[in-house]
Amino acid sequence: MDFHYTLENIDQAVSDFWNHYLDYHLFAFHGDMGAGKTTFIHKLCDHLLVQDAVSSPTFALINEYHFKSRSNEDRLIYHMDWYRLKDTSEAINAGMEDCIDQAMAGKAICFIEWPQKAEELLRKPYVNIYIESPDELNRVMTTEIITG
């Protein structure tokens, strides 16, 4: 599925995206530096009414946010940035595998930036999100569900 958006209509793109993929718990965001991965995740968190301060986890590696589900349950989001990882073992040592385990058990949602740095940790099913910026204003997002 493709989504075309700008900062002016990103909220509608986020809403359409979430309505389409709300049954998934693991999301892998791909894109060049500055493509808009963190911005889209921030807007997703706004859409989910996250009360915590949403920021890039580039140096912390993992940020944790809370929101209320439709049934008013406290839900957890792990926002991870794997850009600075050297290898998969570093990701495991940082607790990222545990976050993914929780997501796959339906106890959390994981948004992962730069997933190619430790791709072996991704568990199916998950959603790959590719964000491209053909120019300063426009974004093109292509998504695919990885199953099997």
C-alpha atoms as a PDB file:
ATOM      1  CA  MET A   1       0.000   0.000   0.000  1.00  0.00           C
ATOM      2  CA  ASP A   2       1.269   3.484  -0.822  1.00  0.00           C
ATOM      3  CA  PHE A   3       0.674   6.711   1.070  1.00  0.00           C
ATOM      4  CA  HIS A   4       1.555  10.130  -0.367  1.00  0.00           C
ATOM      5  CA  TYR A   5       1.631  13.015   2.084  1.00  0.00           C
ATOM      6  CA  THR A   6       3.141  16.336   3.130  1.00  0.00           C
ATOM      7  CA  LEU A   7       3.439  17.854   6.601  1.00  0.00           C
ATOM      8  CA  GLU A   8       0.147  19.611   5.903  1.00  0.00           C
ATOM      9  CA  ASN A   9      -1.796  16.357   5.480  1.00  0.00           C
ATOM     10  CA  ILE A  10       0.360  13.933   7.489  1.00  0.00           C
ATOM     11  CA  ASP A  11      -2.378  13.522  10.126  1.00  0.00           C
ATOM     12  CA  GLN A  12      -4.716  12.013   7.528  1.00  0.00           C
ATOM     13  CA  ALA A  13      -1.935   9.705   6.273  1.00  0.00           C
ATOM     14  CA  VAL A  14      -1.245   8.588   9.844  1.00  0.00           C
ATOM     15  CA  SER A  15      -4.937   7.912  10.445  1.00  0.00           C
ATOM     16  CA  ASP A  16      -5.269   5.920   7.217  1.00  0.00           C
ATOM     17  CA  PHE A  17      -2.069   3.993   7.998  1.00  0.00           C
ATOM     18  CA  TRP A  18      -3.143   3.125  11.541  1.00  0.00           C
ATOM     19  CA  ASN A  19      -6.660   2.096  10.491  1.00  0.00           C
ATOM     20  CA  HIS A  20      -5.106  -0.273   7.978  1.00  0.00           C
ATOM     21  CA  TYR A  21      -2.400  -1.777  10.243  1.00  0.00           C
ATOM     22  CA  LEU A  22      -3.798  -1.525  13.784  1.00  0.00           C
ATOM     23  CA  ASP A  23      -3.769  -5.318  14.206  1.00  0.00           C
ATOM     24  CA  TYR A  24       0.029  -5.455  13.902  1.00  0.00           C
ATOM     25  CA  HIS A  25       2.514  -4.915  16.711  1.00  0.00           C
ATOM     26  CA  LEU A  26       5.902  -4.666  14.988  1.00  0.00           C
ATOM     27  CA  PHE A  27       6.715  -1.874  12.512  1.00  0.00           C
ATOM     28  CA  ALA A  28      10.084  -1.515  10.737  1.00  0.00           C
ATOM     29  CA  PHE A  29      10.724   1.983   9.356  1.00  0.00           C
ATOM     30  CA  HIS A  30      13.222   2.290   6.487  1.00  0.00           C
ATOM     31  CA  GLY A  31      14.412   5.503   4.855  1.00  0.00           C
ATOM     32  CA  ASP A  32      17.357   7.784   4.379  1.00  0.00           C
ATOM     33  CA  MET A  33      18.440  10.214   7.076  1.00  0.00           C
ATOM     34  CA  GLY A  34      15.897  13.022   7.112  1.00  0.00           C
ATOM     35  CA  ALA A  35      13.230  11.080   5.188  1.00  0.00           C
ATOM     36  CA  GLY A  36      10.703  11.560   7.997  1.00  0.00           C
ATOM     37  CA  LYS A  37      10.714   8.286   9.957  1.00  0.00           C
ATOM     38  CA  THR A  38      10.758   9.958  13.374  1.00  0.00           C
ATOM     39  CA  THR A  39       8.230  12.582  12.283  1.00  0.00           C
ATOM     40  CA  PHE A  40       5.784   9.896  11.139  1.00  0.00           C
ATOM     41  CA  ILE A  41       6.251   7.917  14.376  1.00  0.00           C
ATOM     42  CA  HIS A  42       5.734  11.104  16.403  1.00  0.00           C
ATOM     43  CA  LYS A  43       2.475  11.723  14.542  1.00  0.00           C
ATOM     44  CA  LEU A  44       1.444   8.081  15.104  1.00  0.00           C
ATOM     45  CA  CYS A  45       1.986   8.611  18.820  1.00  0.00           C
ATOM     46  CA  ASP A  46      -0.096  11.812  18.656  1.00  0.00           C
ATOM     47  CA  HIS A  47      -2.830   9.843  16.890  1.00  0.00           C
ATOM     48  CA  LEU A  48      -2.744   7.229  19.669  1.00  0.00           C
ATOM     49  CA  LEU A  49      -2.951  10.015  22.274  1.00  0.00           C
ATOM     50  CA  VAL A  50       0.398   9.183  23.856  1.00  0.00           C
ATOM     51  CA  GLN A  51       0.823  11.389  26.925  1.00  0.00           C
ATOM     52  CA  ASP A  52       4.621  11.001  27.187  1.00  0.00           C
ATOM     53  CA  ALA A  53       7.087  13.309  25.442  1.00  0.00           C
ATOM     54  CA  VAL A  54       7.866  11.706  22.075  1.00  0.00           C
ATOM     55  CA  SER A  55      11.408  12.201  20.818  1.00  0.00           C
ATOM     56  CA  SER A  56      14.043  10.491  18.724  1.00  0.00           C
ATOM     57  CA  PRO A  57      15.682   7.604  20.581  1.00  0.00           C
ATOM     58  CA  THR A  58      18.941   7.993  18.635  1.00  0.00           C
ATOM     59  CA  PHE A  59      21.094   8.161  21.765  1.00  0.00           C
ATOM     60  CA  ALA A  60      18.852   6.332  24.260  1.00  0.00           C
ATOM     61  CA  LEU A  61      18.239   3.562  21.644  1.00  0.00           C
ATOM     62  CA  ILE A  62      14.799   2.815  23.164  1.00  0.00           C
ATOM     63  CA  ASN A  63      12.063   5.233  24.258  1.00  0.00           C
ATOM     64  CA  GLU A  64       8.977   3.966  26.044  1.00  0.00           C
ATOM     65  CA  TYR A  65       5.566   5.611  25.718  1.00  0.00           C
ATOM     66  CA  HIS A  66       2.122   4.855  27.141  1.00  0.00           C
ATOM     67  CA  PHE A  67      -1.337   5.237  25.658  1.00  0.00           C
ATOM     68  CA  LYS A  68      -4.849   3.961  26.286  1.00  0.00           C
ATOM     69  CA  SER A  69      -6.300   1.310  23.972  1.00  0.00           C
ATOM     70  CA  ARG A  70      -9.835   1.511  22.622  1.00  0.00           C
ATOM     71  CA  SER A  71     -10.887  -0.618  25.620  1.00  0.00           C
ATOM     72  CA  ASN A  72      -9.123   1.861  27.953  1.00  0.00           C
ATOM     73  CA  GLU A  73      -6.235  -0.489  28.780  1.00  0.00           C
ATOM     74  CA  ASP A  74      -2.802   0.981  29.391  1.00  0.00           C
ATOM     75  CA  ARG A  75      -0.703   0.070  26.346  1.00  0.00           C
ATOM     76  CA  LEU A  76       3.021   0.353  25.767  1.00  0.00           C
ATOM     77  CA  ILE A  77       4.987   1.566  22.744  1.00  0.00           C
ATOM     78  CA  TYR A  78       8.687   0.932  22.308  1.00  0.00           C
ATOM     79  CA  HIS A  79      10.247   3.389  19.880  1.00  0.00           C
ATOM     80  CA  MET A  80      13.677   2.106  18.901  1.00  0.00           C
ATOM     81  CA  ASP A  81      16.411   3.604  16.770  1.00  0.00           C
ATOM     82  CA  TRP A  82      18.965   1.037  15.626  1.00  0.00           C
ATOM     83  CA  TYR A  83      21.109   3.474  13.617  1.00  0.00           C
ATOM     84  CA  ARG A  84      24.011   3.431  16.098  1.00  0.00           C
ATOM     85  CA  LEU A  85      24.021  -0.355  16.621  1.00  0.00           C
ATOM     86  CA  LYS A  86      27.126  -2.221  15.565  1.00  0.00           C
ATOM     87  CA  ASP A  87      25.489  -5.646  15.360  1.00  0.00           C
ATOM     88  CA  THR A  88      22.635  -7.872  16.530  1.00  0.00           C
ATOM     89  CA  SER A  89      24.357  -8.849  19.779  1.00  0.00           C
ATOM     90  CA  GLU A  90      24.500  -5.177  20.785  1.00  0.00           C
ATOM     91  CA  ALA A  91      20.742  -4.939  20.179  1.00  0.00           C
ATOM     92  CA  ILE A  92      20.134  -8.022  22.324  1.00  0.00           C
ATOM     93  CA  ASN A  93      22.332  -6.643  25.116  1.00  0.00           C
ATOM     94  CA  ALA A  94      20.378  -3.369  25.013  1.00  0.00           C
ATOM     95  CA  GLY A  95      17.102  -5.270  25.642  1.00  0.00           C
ATOM     96  CA  MET A  96      15.624  -4.815  22.184  1.00  0.00           C
ATOM     97  CA  GLU A  97      14.837  -8.497  21.755  1.00  0.00           C
ATOM     98  CA  ASP A  98      12.752  -8.357  24.945  1.00  0.00           C
ATOM     99  CA  CYS A  99      10.774  -5.410  23.561  1.00  0.00           C
ATOM    100  CA  ILE A 100      10.072  -7.354  20.368  1.00  0.00           C
ATOM    101  CA  ASP A 101       9.032 -10.420  22.397  1.00  0.00           C
ATOM    102  CA  GLN A 102       6.509  -8.266  24.266  1.00  0.00           C
ATOM    103  CA  ALA A 103       5.168  -6.884  20.991  1.00  0.00           C
ATOM    104  CA  MET A 104       4.785 -10.332  19.468  1.00  0.00           C
ATOM    105  CA  ALA A 105       2.886 -11.428  22.597  1.00  0.00           C
ATOM    106  CA  GLY A 106       0.481  -8.514  22.044  1.00  0.00           C
ATOM    107  CA  LYS A 107       1.683  -6.653  25.140  1.00  0.00           C
ATOM    108  CA  ALA A 108       3.342  -3.733  23.309  1.00  0.00           C
ATOM    109  CA  ILE A 109       3.863  -2.062  19.963  1.00  0.00           C
ATOM    110  CA  CYS A 110       7.349  -1.587  18.514  1.00  0.00           C
ATOM    111  CA  PHE A 111       8.295   1.167  16.095  1.00  0.00           C
ATOM    112  CA  ILE A 112      11.839   0.494  14.858  1.00  0.00           C
ATOM    113  CA  GLU A 113      13.928   2.945  12.858  1.00  0.00           C
ATOM    114  CA  TRP A 114      16.894   1.550  10.875  1.00  0.00           C
ATOM    115  CA  PRO A 115      15.793  -2.114  11.301  1.00  0.00           C
ATOM    116  CA  GLN A 116      18.381  -3.329   8.787  1.00  0.00           C
ATOM    117  CA  LYS A 117      21.050  -2.951  11.511  1.00  0.00           C
ATOM    118  CA  ALA A 118      19.721  -6.060  13.334  1.00  0.00           C
ATOM    119  CA  GLU A 119      17.182  -7.514  10.926  1.00  0.00           C
ATOM    120  CA  GLU A 120      17.569 -11.002  12.427  1.00  0.00           C
ATOM    121  CA  LEU A 121      15.593  -9.814  15.483  1.00  0.00           C
ATOM    122  CA  LEU A 122      12.430  -9.025  13.520  1.00  0.00           C
ATOM    123  CA  ARG A 123       9.661 -11.567  13.988  1.00  0.00           C
ATOM    124  CA  LYS A 124       6.861 -12.270  11.555  1.00  0.00           C
ATOM    125  CA  PRO A 125       4.334 -10.932  10.986  1.00  0.00           C
ATOM    126  CA  TYR A 126       5.536  -7.346  10.836  1.00  0.00           C
ATOM    127  CA  VAL A 127       5.065  -4.306   8.647  1.00  0.00           C
ATOM    128  CA  ASN A 128       7.918  -2.840   6.604  1.00  0.00           C
ATOM    129  CA  ILE A 129       7.528   0.881   5.984  1.00  0.00           C
ATOM    130  CA  TYR A 130       9.682   2.605   3.362  1.00  0.00           C
ATOM    131  CA  ILE A 131       9.644   6.405   3.411  1.00  0.00           C
ATOM    132  CA  GLU A 132      11.129   8.392   0.548  1.00  0.00           C
ATOM    133  CA  SER A 133      11.358  12.139   0.152  1.00  0.00           C
ATOM    134  CA  PRO A 134      11.307  13.048  -3.547  1.00  0.00           C
ATOM    135  CA  ASP A 135      11.605  16.719  -2.519  1.00  0.00           C
ATOM    136  CA  GLU A 136      11.557  18.864   0.634  1.00  0.00           C
ATOM    137  CA  LEU A 137       7.764  18.867   0.985  1.00  0.00           C
ATOM    138  CA  ASN A 138       6.510  15.509  -0.258  1.00  0.00           C
ATOM    139  CA  ARG A 139       6.816  12.031   1.203  1.00  0.00           C
ATOM    140  CA  VAL A 140       6.003   8.698  -0.378  1.00  0.00           C
ATOM    141  CA  MET A 141       5.481   5.771   1.951  1.00  0.00           C
ATOM    142  CA  THR A 142       5.320   2.201   0.686  1.00  0.00           C
ATOM    143  CA  THR A 143       4.299  -0.557   3.077  1.00  0.00           C
ATOM    144  CA  GLU A 144       4.418  -4.328   2.973  1.00  0.00           C
ATOM    145  CA  ILE A 145       3.353  -7.001   5.419  1.00  0.00           C
ATOM    146  CA  ILE A 146       5.988  -9.661   6.042  1.00  0.00           C
ATOM    147  CA  THR A 147       4.428 -13.005   6.957  1.00  0.00           C
ATOM    148  CA  GLY A 148       5.333 -16.641   6.971  1.00  0.00           C
END
